[in-house]
Amino acid sequence: MNHYLSRRSFIGRAVMAGGGVLLANSVLGKIPFASANERVNLACVGVGNRAGEIIRDLYKTGLCNIVALCDVDMNAKHTQAILKMFPDVPRFQDFREMFDKMGNQIDAVSIGTPDFAHFAITMTALELGKHVYVEKPMAQTFWEVELMMQKARKHSKVVTQMGNQGHSEANYFQFKAWKDAGIIKDVTRIDAHMNNARRWHTWDPNMKNFPPAEKIPSTLDWELWQMQTLGHDYNKDFVNGQWRCWYDFGMGALGDWGAHILDTAHEFLELGLPTQVEATYLEGHNAFFFPMSSTIKFHFPKRKKMPAVDITWYDGLDNLPEIPEGYGVSGLDPNIPPPSTGELEPAKLNPGKIIYGKDLTFKGGSHGSTLQIIPESKAKDLANKLPEVPQSPSNHFANFLKACKGEEKTRSSFDIAGPLSQVFCLGVISQRLNGKIEFDPIKKEITNDKFANALLVGPPPAKGWEQYYKV
């Protein structure tokens, strides 16, 4: 049965929130494996699509044993490649059964499930003392991210990493070095843009109901797929990446790409949480799925000696920010990985950001793409004054596994990734309500709209999932 809560019942119900065998090295080429007892024993929740890419990248480091595989749609077509890579590794459909049967054989967990399904798996793993690598964004609601951060602090010896993989690549080290050297300073404005086609761009924004029920695939546990959410009839447009389209399951373009575009600015400019968020333009706004185009403005107050910053997010095919004089060419960085729907096509303005400081303006791409000073004439003048940027000692996946072994510190741990994810949660609330919210970063409350404040928590979990909301 579909559930669509009224405003009043939503608010009333939301108040509850207060409270393994390894393959031979030849499978992936010559991998410099550590000895068996030096590798991290990794369980993988989510096997197909993006989750499969995560498993391959973690395995290619040579730093882990894959000891368990778990997926609610085990034996579906999209899981087969990973199952063939690890034919003798135990398989599970329910993460709870996996932890019950193999908990003492697991050191760490990778979580590559839909946004809404990160939460319960992560909370379980942290409670059991397992290190966690979870895809971005950390969770779907502000409060779930908050509880995940609290849980990680409670289990302080556990290593956490959110999967915005560019946070271990060139832009991370460049932004830090340029900020420390005073090249990036007095930033007051950032325009972030992601103007490629999204899955829902062919849909009708006048939709009046969720799509009709279809036959559930024999390989899929549909009830388990939904986890704590209120319940929907199965439809192919809810699964295999389509979940990202819906307010009930995903975080839209902002949650998908924001962590790859704004991560370094958010960390190194110490932005924290905004005090105002406003959807200033929405094309195709509706009650079910994300708009065709969105412009969302975030206001971050002064921090220490740094001025206030306004970040404006643009998505949609023809929804572009102002392009400053001397911007030059908008190149599509070949290092940006393709989405699961196919290759990333060049757009009028490719994914990235424009950063405005007092004296300098920068343009940058997504993921690990480095910044450039614009216009080019100013970049040439400063070429000999730029600091040396260190090379990354490890990619994002090796960084996580080395941190599990006590050799490094993760670069996108929950204390860093959590507030970033919460920024996107606030942005999605403004999108959903097509309005402006005033936010208190200390009390972590929306002060001007009770319904918006209830959306920080979302609806109460389905029966049987309440226990995950306790730290």
Protein backbone atom coordinates (compact mmCIF):
# COMPACT_ATOMS: atom_id res chain seq x y z
CA MET A 1 0.00 0.00 0.00
CA ASN A 2 1.26 3.50 -0.82
CA HIS A 3 1.59 5.91 2.08
CA TYR A 4 1.30 9.64 1.59
CA LEU A 5 1.11 11.43 4.92
CA SER A 6 -0.76 14.65 5.48
CA ARG A 7 1.17 17.59 6.87
CA ARG A 8 -0.49 17.28 10.27
CA SER A 9 -0.03 13.52 10.66
CA PHE A 10 3.56 13.77 9.41
CA ILE A 11 4.47 16.29 12.09
CA GLY A 12 2.67 14.36 14.80
CA ARG A 13 4.38 11.10 13.96
CA ALA A 14 7.81 12.63 13.46
CA VAL A 15 8.24 13.68 17.08
CA MET A 16 9.58 10.22 17.91
CA ALA A 17 12.97 11.47 16.78
CA GLY A 18 13.85 13.03 20.07
CA GLY A 19 14.97 10.50 21.66
CA GLY A 20 35.91 -15.85 3.05
CA VAL A 21 38.08 -17.15 0.32
CA LEU A 22 40.28 -14.89 -1.84
CA LEU A 23 40.66 -15.27 -5.57
CA ALA A 24 44.06 -15.64 -7.11
CA ASN A 25 45.88 -12.38 -7.86
CA SER A 26 45.41 -12.98 -11.57
CA VAL A 27 41.71 -12.11 -11.36
CA LEU A 28 42.47 -8.39 -11.21
CA GLY A 29 45.98 -8.43 -12.55
CA LYS A 30 49.14 -8.34 -10.44
CA ILE A 31 47.94 -6.89 -7.15
CA PRO A 32 50.55 -6.34 -4.40
CA PHE A 33 48.59 -8.19 -1.71
CA ALA A 34 49.60 -7.97 1.90
CA SER A 35 49.90 -11.33 3.63
CA ALA A 36 46.58 -12.85 4.65
CA ASN A 37 46.87 -11.92 8.31
CA GLU A 38 47.73 -8.30 7.44
CA ARG A 39 44.62 -7.75 5.31
CA VAL A 40 41.34 -6.33 6.55
CA ASN A 41 38.47 -8.84 6.53
CA LEU A 42 35.78 -6.97 4.60
CA ALA A 43 32.06 -7.73 4.36
CA CYS A 44 30.23 -6.04 1.49
CA VAL A 45 26.60 -4.95 1.77
CA GLY A 46 25.41 -4.11 -1.72
CA VAL A 47 26.92 -6.14 -4.54
CA GLY A 48 25.64 -4.79 -7.87
CA ASN A 49 25.88 -1.48 -9.74
CA ARG A 50 27.88 1.17 -7.80
CA ALA A 51 28.37 -1.24 -4.89
CA GLY A 52 30.20 -3.61 -7.22
CA GLU A 53 32.55 -0.82 -8.27
CA ILE A 54 33.30 -0.10 -4.61
CA ILE A 55 34.11 -3.76 -3.97
CA ARG A 56 36.47 -3.89 -6.94
CA ASP A 57 38.26 -0.71 -5.88
CA LEU A 58 38.69 -1.88 -2.29
CA TYR A 59 39.90 -5.30 -3.44
CA LYS A 60 42.36 -3.84 -5.96
CA THR A 61 44.30 -2.20 -3.12
CA GLY A 62 45.51 -5.64 -2.04
CA LEU A 63 44.71 -4.69 1.54
CA CYS A 64 41.53 -6.68 2.17
CA ASN A 65 40.00 -10.13 2.12
CA ILE A 66 36.40 -10.26 0.89
CA VAL A 67 34.77 -12.51 3.49
CA ALA A 68 31.02 -11.95 2.98
CA LEU A 69 28.68 -10.64 0.29
CA CYS A 70 25.17 -9.34 1.01
CA ASP A 71 22.48 -7.98 -1.27
CA VAL A 72 18.68 -7.86 -1.04
CA ASP A 73 18.58 -8.75 -4.76
CA MET A 74 21.20 -11.49 -4.67
CA ASN A 75 21.43 -13.46 -7.93
CA ALA A 76 19.96 -10.60 -9.97
CA LYS A 77 21.70 -9.81 -13.26
CA HIS A 78 23.61 -6.84 -11.86
CA THR A 79 25.19 -8.89 -9.04
CA GLN A 80 26.63 -11.62 -11.26
CA ALA A 81 30.01 -10.06 -12.03
CA ILE A 82 30.94 -9.77 -8.36
CA LEU A 83 29.55 -13.21 -7.52
CA LYS A 84 31.74 -14.71 -10.26
CA MET A 85 34.78 -12.88 -8.90
CA PHE A 86 34.23 -14.34 -5.44
CA PRO A 87 32.44 -17.67 -5.99
CA ASP A 88 33.34 -19.21 -2.64
CA VAL A 89 32.58 -16.23 -0.40
CA PRO A 90 29.48 -16.71 1.84
CA ARG A 91 26.38 -14.91 0.53
CA PHE A 92 23.50 -13.35 2.43
CA GLN A 93 20.33 -11.49 1.53
CA ASP A 94 19.82 -9.91 4.98
CA PHE A 95 22.63 -7.89 6.58
CA ARG A 96 21.36 -8.83 10.03
CA GLU A 97 21.84 -12.53 9.33
CA MET A 98 25.31 -11.81 7.96
CA PHE A 99 26.37 -10.06 11.15
CA ASP A 100 24.77 -12.75 13.33
CA LYS A 101 26.55 -15.61 11.58
CA MET A 102 29.88 -13.99 10.68
CA GLY A 103 30.32 -11.06 13.04
CA ASN A 104 33.49 -12.42 14.60
CA GLN A 105 35.08 -12.88 11.15
CA ILE A 106 34.43 -9.31 9.96
CA ASP A 107 36.73 -6.32 10.56
CA ALA A 108 35.07 -3.79 8.26
CA VAL A 109 32.02 -3.27 6.06
CA SER A 110 31.46 -1.55 2.73
CA ILE A 111 27.93 -0.20 2.23
CA GLY A 112 26.84 0.53 -1.33
CA THR A 113 23.07 0.51 -0.94
CA PRO A 114 20.53 3.28 -1.78
CA ASP A 115 20.81 6.48 0.28
CA PHE A 116 17.95 5.60 2.65
CA ALA A 117 19.38 2.13 3.33
CA HIS A 118 22.78 3.28 4.61
CA PHE A 119 21.50 4.07 8.08
CA ALA A 120 20.48 0.79 9.71
CA ILE A 121 23.44 -1.13 8.27
CA THR A 122 25.89 1.53 9.45
CA MET A 123 24.40 1.74 12.94
CA THR A 124 24.60 -2.05 13.28
CA ALA A 125 28.20 -2.18 12.11
CA LEU A 126 29.30 0.61 14.45
CA GLU A 127 27.55 -1.03 17.41
CA LEU A 128 29.47 -4.23 16.65
CA GLY A 129 32.77 -2.34 16.43
CA LYS A 130 33.19 -2.78 12.67
CA HIS A 131 34.92 -0.16 10.53
CA VAL A 132 32.56 1.40 7.96
CA TYR A 133 32.98 2.59 4.38
CA VAL A 134 29.62 4.02 3.24
CA GLU A 135 28.67 5.63 -0.05
CA LYS A 136 27.73 9.30 -0.19
CA PRO A 137 25.64 10.95 1.10
CA MET A 138 25.87 9.34 4.53
CA ALA A 139 22.10 9.01 4.94
CA GLN A 140 18.83 10.43 3.64
CA THR A 141 17.69 12.51 6.62
CA PHE A 142 19.44 15.09 8.76
CA TRP A 143 18.64 13.19 11.96
CA GLU A 144 19.95 9.87 10.65
CA VAL A 145 23.27 11.54 9.81
CA GLU A 146 23.31 13.06 13.29
CA LEU A 147 22.80 9.65 14.93
CA MET A 148 25.51 8.09 12.75
CA MET A 149 27.97 10.76 13.89
CA GLN A 150 26.99 10.23 17.52
CA LYS A 151 27.38 6.48 17.16
CA ALA A 152 30.83 6.86 15.60
CA ARG A 153 31.91 9.15 18.44
CA LYS A 154 30.65 6.63 20.98
CA HIS A 155 32.67 3.86 19.30
CA SER A 156 35.72 6.04 18.84
CA LYS A 157 38.10 3.24 17.87
CA VAL A 158 36.03 2.44 14.80
CA VAL A 159 37.22 3.92 11.49
CA THR A 160 34.66 5.60 9.22
CA GLN A 161 34.87 6.84 5.65
CA MET A 162 32.22 8.30 3.33
CA GLY A 163 32.68 7.41 -0.33
CA ASN A 164 33.35 10.78 -1.95
CA GLN A 165 36.50 9.36 -3.51
CA GLY A 166 37.85 12.68 -4.82
CA HIS A 167 38.51 13.62 -1.19
CA SER A 168 41.73 11.61 -1.42
CA GLU A 169 42.86 12.94 -4.78
CA ALA A 170 44.59 16.03 -6.19
CA ASN A 171 41.95 18.67 -5.38
CA TYR A 172 41.97 17.72 -1.69
CA PHE A 173 45.70 18.34 -1.31
CA GLN A 174 45.71 21.38 -3.61
CA PHE A 175 42.83 23.10 -1.82
CA LYS A 176 44.46 22.52 1.57
CA ALA A 177 47.87 23.77 0.39
CA TRP A 178 46.41 26.86 -1.31
CA LYS A 179 44.23 27.66 1.69
CA ASP A 180 47.14 27.28 4.11
CA ALA A 181 49.34 29.49 1.89
CA GLY A 182 46.70 32.22 1.64
CA ILE A 183 46.05 31.73 -2.09
CA ILE A 184 42.44 30.80 -1.31
CA LYS A 185 41.23 33.37 1.20
CA ASP A 186 38.29 35.63 2.01
CA VAL A 187 35.89 33.49 -0.02
CA THR A 188 32.41 35.02 -0.01
CA ARG A 189 30.65 33.21 -2.87
CA ILE A 190 30.68 29.78 -4.50
CA ASP A 191 28.54 28.77 -7.46
CA ALA A 192 28.28 24.97 -7.79
CA HIS A 193 26.78 23.41 -10.88
CA MET A 194 25.74 20.00 -12.18
CA ASN A 195 23.88 20.47 -15.45
CA ASN A 196 23.79 16.98 -16.96
CA ALA A 197 20.64 14.99 -17.66
CA ARG A 198 19.18 13.06 -14.72
CA ARG A 199 17.04 9.94 -14.67
CA TRP A 200 13.79 11.80 -13.96
CA HIS A 201 14.14 14.41 -16.69
CA THR A 202 11.83 12.45 -19.00
CA TRP A 203 9.10 12.07 -16.36
CA ASP A 204 5.87 14.05 -16.05
CA PRO A 205 6.10 16.56 -13.17
CA ASN A 206 2.31 16.57 -13.02
CA MET A 207 2.37 13.03 -11.62
CA LYS A 208 -0.51 12.52 -9.16
CA ASN A 209 0.45 9.12 -7.70
CA PHE A 210 3.40 6.80 -7.31
CA PRO A 211 3.80 4.36 -10.24
CA PRO A 212 1.52 1.29 -10.21
CA ALA A 213 2.44 -2.02 -8.61
CA GLU A 214 4.40 -4.49 -10.72
CA LYS A 215 5.40 -8.10 -10.16
CA ILE A 216 8.29 -8.37 -7.70
CA PRO A 217 11.35 -10.10 -9.22
CA SER A 218 11.94 -13.55 -7.77
CA THR A 219 15.48 -12.61 -6.73
CA LEU A 220 14.43 -9.53 -4.71
CA ASP A 221 13.32 -9.30 -1.08
CA TRP A 222 11.13 -6.23 -1.59
CA GLU A 223 10.17 -5.80 2.06
CA LEU A 224 13.81 -5.84 3.13
CA TRP A 225 14.80 -3.49 0.30
CA GLN A 226 12.46 -0.86 1.79
CA MET A 227 13.96 -1.21 5.29
CA GLN A 228 12.67 1.52 7.62
CA THR A 229 10.69 3.43 4.97
CA LEU A 230 6.89 3.50 5.17
CA GLY A 231 6.18 1.10 2.36
CA HIS A 232 5.50 1.22 -1.38
CA ASP A 233 4.31 -1.24 -3.97
CA TYR A 234 7.18 -2.59 -6.07
CA ASN A 235 7.89 -0.83 -9.35
CA LYS A 236 11.02 -1.02 -11.48
CA ASP A 237 11.33 2.78 -11.21
CA PHE A 238 12.15 2.45 -7.51
CA VAL A 239 15.22 0.18 -7.81
CA ASN A 240 18.64 -0.06 -9.46
CA GLY A 241 19.51 3.61 -9.33
CA GLN A 242 15.97 4.86 -9.98
CA TRP A 243 15.54 5.30 -6.22
CA ARG A 244 17.65 8.45 -6.51
CA CYS A 245 14.77 10.22 -8.26
CA TRP A 246 12.29 10.08 -5.36
CA TYR A 247 12.08 12.19 -2.22
CA ASP A 248 11.11 9.01 -0.33
CA PHE A 249 14.34 7.20 -1.21
CA GLY A 250 17.08 9.45 -2.59
CA MET A 251 18.71 12.87 -2.52
CA GLY A 252 18.48 13.95 -6.14
CA ALA A 253 21.29 15.68 -8.03
CA LEU A 254 22.41 17.62 -4.94
CA GLY A 255 22.94 14.52 -2.79
CA ASP A 256 24.50 12.64 -5.68
CA TRP A 257 27.01 15.25 -6.87
CA GLY A 258 27.29 17.76 -4.04
CA ALA A 259 29.78 15.66 -2.10
CA HIS A 260 32.02 15.47 -5.20
CA ILE A 261 31.89 19.21 -5.93
CA LEU A 262 31.69 21.03 -2.58
CA ASP A 263 33.60 18.69 -0.26
CA THR A 264 36.95 20.50 -0.16
CA ALA A 265 35.42 23.97 0.16
CA HIS A 266 33.19 22.76 2.96
CA GLU A 267 36.04 21.21 4.93
CA PHE A 268 38.86 23.69 4.44
CA LEU A 269 36.71 26.81 4.66
CA GLU A 270 35.23 25.31 7.85
CA LEU A 271 31.70 26.07 6.70
CA GLY A 272 29.81 23.80 9.09
CA LEU A 273 26.03 24.20 8.84
CA PRO A 274 24.14 27.04 7.10
CA THR A 275 21.75 29.45 8.80
CA GLN A 276 19.53 29.96 5.74
CA VAL A 277 18.66 27.71 2.81
CA GLU A 278 16.33 28.82 0.03
CA ALA A 279 15.08 27.20 -3.16
CA THR A 280 15.15 30.31 -5.36
CA TYR A 281 14.16 28.56 -8.60
CA LEU A 282 12.51 25.19 -9.23
CA GLU A 283 11.27 24.01 -12.62
CA GLY A 284 8.88 21.06 -12.55
CA HIS A 285 8.41 21.04 -8.78
CA ASN A 286 6.09 18.28 -7.58
CA ALA A 287 5.33 16.18 -4.49
CA PHE A 288 7.02 12.95 -5.57
CA PHE A 289 10.34 13.35 -7.34
CA PHE A 290 13.04 15.98 -7.77
CA PRO A 291 12.57 19.05 -9.97
CA MET A 292 13.80 19.25 -13.55
CA SER A 293 15.97 22.20 -12.50
CA SER A 294 16.88 23.61 -9.10
CA THR A 295 18.69 26.67 -7.81
CA ILE A 296 19.31 26.51 -4.07
CA LYS A 297 21.09 29.19 -2.04
CA PHE A 298 22.89 28.34 1.22
CA HIS A 299 24.09 31.06 3.58
CA PHE A 300 26.96 30.23 5.93
CA PRO A 301 27.83 32.80 8.64
CA LYS A 302 31.25 34.19 9.53
CA ARG A 303 33.71 31.68 11.02
CA LYS A 304 36.76 32.80 13.03
CA LYS A 305 38.46 35.34 10.72
CA MET A 306 36.65 34.14 7.60
CA PRO A 307 33.75 36.09 6.08
CA ALA A 308 30.24 34.76 5.50
CA VAL A 309 29.82 32.61 2.39
CA ASP A 310 26.87 32.16 0.04
CA ILE A 311 26.86 28.91 -1.92
CA THR A 312 24.41 28.65 -4.80
CA TRP A 313 23.70 25.22 -6.28
CA TYR A 314 22.49 24.87 -9.87
CA ASP A 315 21.19 21.69 -11.48
CA GLY A 316 19.09 21.10 -14.60
CA LEU A 317 20.00 21.08 -18.28
CA ASP A 318 19.68 24.82 -18.93
CA ASN A 319 20.05 26.19 -15.42
CA LEU A 320 23.51 27.72 -15.46
CA PRO A 321 25.27 30.13 -13.10
CA GLU A 322 26.75 33.41 -14.23
CA ILE A 323 30.05 32.78 -16.01
CA PRO A 324 32.76 35.29 -15.00
CA GLU A 325 34.88 37.06 -17.57
CA GLY A 326 37.99 35.11 -18.43
CA TYR A 327 36.48 31.76 -17.42
CA GLY A 328 37.86 30.01 -20.51
CA VAL A 329 36.88 26.50 -21.58
CA SER A 330 34.62 24.23 -19.52
CA GLY A 331 36.45 20.93 -19.88
CA LEU A 332 35.04 17.56 -18.86
CA ASP A 333 37.64 16.04 -16.55
CA PRO A 334 38.49 12.51 -17.77
CA ASN A 335 39.04 11.45 -14.14
CA ILE A 336 35.34 11.84 -13.27
CA PRO A 337 33.92 8.29 -13.20
CA PRO A 338 30.89 7.64 -15.41
CA PRO A 339 27.47 7.24 -13.82
CA SER A 340 25.80 3.83 -13.89
CA THR A 341 23.51 5.06 -16.67
CA GLY A 342 26.43 5.39 -19.11
CA GLU A 343 29.24 7.79 -20.01
CA LEU A 344 29.06 11.35 -18.75
CA GLU A 345 28.24 13.56 -21.73
CA PRO A 346 29.79 17.03 -22.11
CA ALA A 347 27.30 19.74 -21.15
CA LYS A 348 27.09 23.49 -21.66
CA LEU A 349 28.88 23.75 -18.35
CA ASN A 350 30.41 20.60 -16.96
CA PRO A 351 30.08 19.60 -13.27
CA GLY A 352 32.09 21.85 -10.98
CA LYS A 353 32.26 25.16 -9.13
CA ILE A 354 33.32 28.79 -9.36
CA ILE A 355 34.90 30.14 -6.17
CA TYR A 356 35.00 33.90 -5.58
CA GLY A 357 37.55 35.26 -3.12
CA LYS A 358 38.38 38.87 -2.30
CA ASP A 359 41.30 39.03 -4.72
CA LEU A 360 41.13 35.83 -6.77
CA THR A 361 38.53 33.75 -8.58
CA PHE A 362 38.89 30.02 -9.18
CA LYS A 363 37.18 27.48 -11.41
CA GLY A 364 37.16 23.78 -10.65
CA GLY A 365 35.53 20.54 -11.68
CA SER A 366 34.19 17.62 -9.71
CA HIS A 367 35.73 14.75 -7.73
CA GLY A 368 39.53 15.18 -7.63
CA SER A 369 39.70 17.84 -10.35
CA THR A 370 42.10 20.63 -9.44
CA LEU A 371 41.33 24.35 -9.32
CA GLN A 372 42.53 26.95 -11.79
CA ILE A 373 42.91 30.66 -11.16
CA ILE A 374 40.95 32.77 -13.63
CA PRO A 375 41.47 34.74 -15.79
CA GLU A 376 44.53 33.03 -17.29
CA SER A 377 46.58 36.24 -17.16
CA LYS A 378 46.27 36.34 -13.37
CA ALA A 379 47.18 32.66 -13.14
CA LYS A 380 50.39 33.33 -15.05
CA ASP A 381 51.28 36.20 -12.73
CA LEU A 382 50.96 33.92 -9.70
CA ALA A 383 52.54 30.80 -11.20
CA ASN A 384 55.82 31.20 -9.31
CA LYS A 385 54.10 32.02 -6.01
CA LEU A 386 51.96 28.90 -5.71
CA PRO A 387 52.92 26.43 -2.98
CA GLU A 388 54.05 22.89 -3.72
CA VAL A 389 51.13 20.47 -3.51
CA PRO A 390 51.94 17.06 -2.02
CA GLN A 391 50.99 13.87 -3.82
CA SER A 392 48.27 11.70 -2.31
CA PRO A 393 49.82 8.84 -0.32
CA SER A 394 46.78 6.63 -0.96
CA ASN A 395 43.53 6.66 -2.87
CA HIS A 396 40.24 6.81 -0.98
CA PHE A 397 39.88 3.03 -0.73
CA ALA A 398 43.44 2.35 0.39
CA ASN A 399 43.14 5.27 2.82
CA PHE A 400 40.18 3.56 4.47
CA LEU A 401 41.81 0.15 4.69
CA LYS A 402 45.12 1.57 5.91
CA ALA A 403 43.18 3.48 8.56
CA CYS A 404 41.55 0.20 9.61
CA LYS A 405 45.10 -1.13 10.10
CA GLY A 406 46.12 1.97 12.09
CA GLU A 407 48.46 3.28 9.39
CA GLU A 408 46.55 6.40 8.25
CA LYS A 409 43.64 8.59 9.25
CA THR A 410 40.58 8.61 6.97
CA ARG A 411 40.08 11.85 5.05
CA SER A 412 36.28 11.72 4.91
CA SER A 413 35.44 10.37 8.37
CA PHE A 414 31.96 10.93 9.74
CA ASP A 415 32.99 14.03 11.71
CA ILE A 416 33.95 15.63 8.36
CA ALA A 417 31.42 13.99 6.03
CA GLY A 418 28.48 14.24 8.44
CA PRO A 419 27.99 18.04 8.43
CA LEU A 420 28.55 18.04 4.65
CA SER A 421 25.79 15.43 4.24
CA GLN A 422 23.53 17.45 6.54
CA VAL A 423 23.97 20.51 4.31
CA PHE A 424 22.51 18.47 1.45
CA CYS A 425 19.66 17.21 3.64
CA LEU A 426 18.73 20.84 4.33
CA GLY A 427 18.92 21.64 0.64
CA VAL A 428 16.57 18.79 -0.21
CA ILE A 429 14.05 20.04 2.38
CA SER A 430 14.02 23.45 0.68
CA GLN A 431 13.55 21.72 -2.68
CA ARG A 432 10.75 19.55 -1.39
CA LEU A 433 8.85 22.46 0.15
CA ASN A 434 9.81 25.01 -2.50
CA GLY A 435 10.68 27.60 0.11
CA LYS A 436 13.15 29.19 2.49
CA ILE A 437 14.22 27.74 5.81
CA GLU A 438 15.90 29.44 8.74
CA PHE A 439 18.22 27.05 10.56
CA ASP A 440 19.79 27.17 14.03
CA PRO A 441 23.15 25.33 13.74
CA ILE A 442 23.52 25.08 17.53
CA LYS A 443 20.11 23.63 18.36
CA LYS A 444 19.98 21.95 14.93
CA GLU A 445 16.41 23.07 14.35
CA ILE A 446 14.53 24.78 11.54
CA THR A 447 12.99 27.77 13.29
CA ASN A 448 10.52 29.20 10.76
CA ASP A 449 8.52 26.16 9.63
CA LYS A 450 7.30 23.30 11.85
CA PHE A 451 6.71 20.96 8.93
CA ALA A 452 10.20 21.61 7.56
CA ASN A 453 11.57 20.96 11.05
CA ALA A 454 9.74 17.61 11.09
CA LEU A 455 11.45 16.73 7.81
CA LEU A 456 14.82 16.86 9.59
CA VAL A 457 13.66 13.59 11.14
CA GLY A 458 11.28 12.27 8.52
CA PRO A 459 8.45 9.85 9.19
CA PRO A 460 8.85 7.27 11.97
CA PRO A 461 10.48 4.01 10.94
CA ALA A 462 8.42 1.02 9.90
CA LYS A 463 7.72 -1.50 12.65
CA GLY A 464 10.77 -3.56 13.49
CA TRP A 465 13.29 -0.84 12.60
CA GLU A 466 12.92 1.42 15.65
CA GLN A 467 15.93 -0.02 17.48
CA TYR A 468 18.43 1.47 15.02
CA TYR A 469 17.49 4.99 16.13
CA LYS A 470 19.19 4.56 19.51
CA VAL A 471 22.78 5.54 20.14
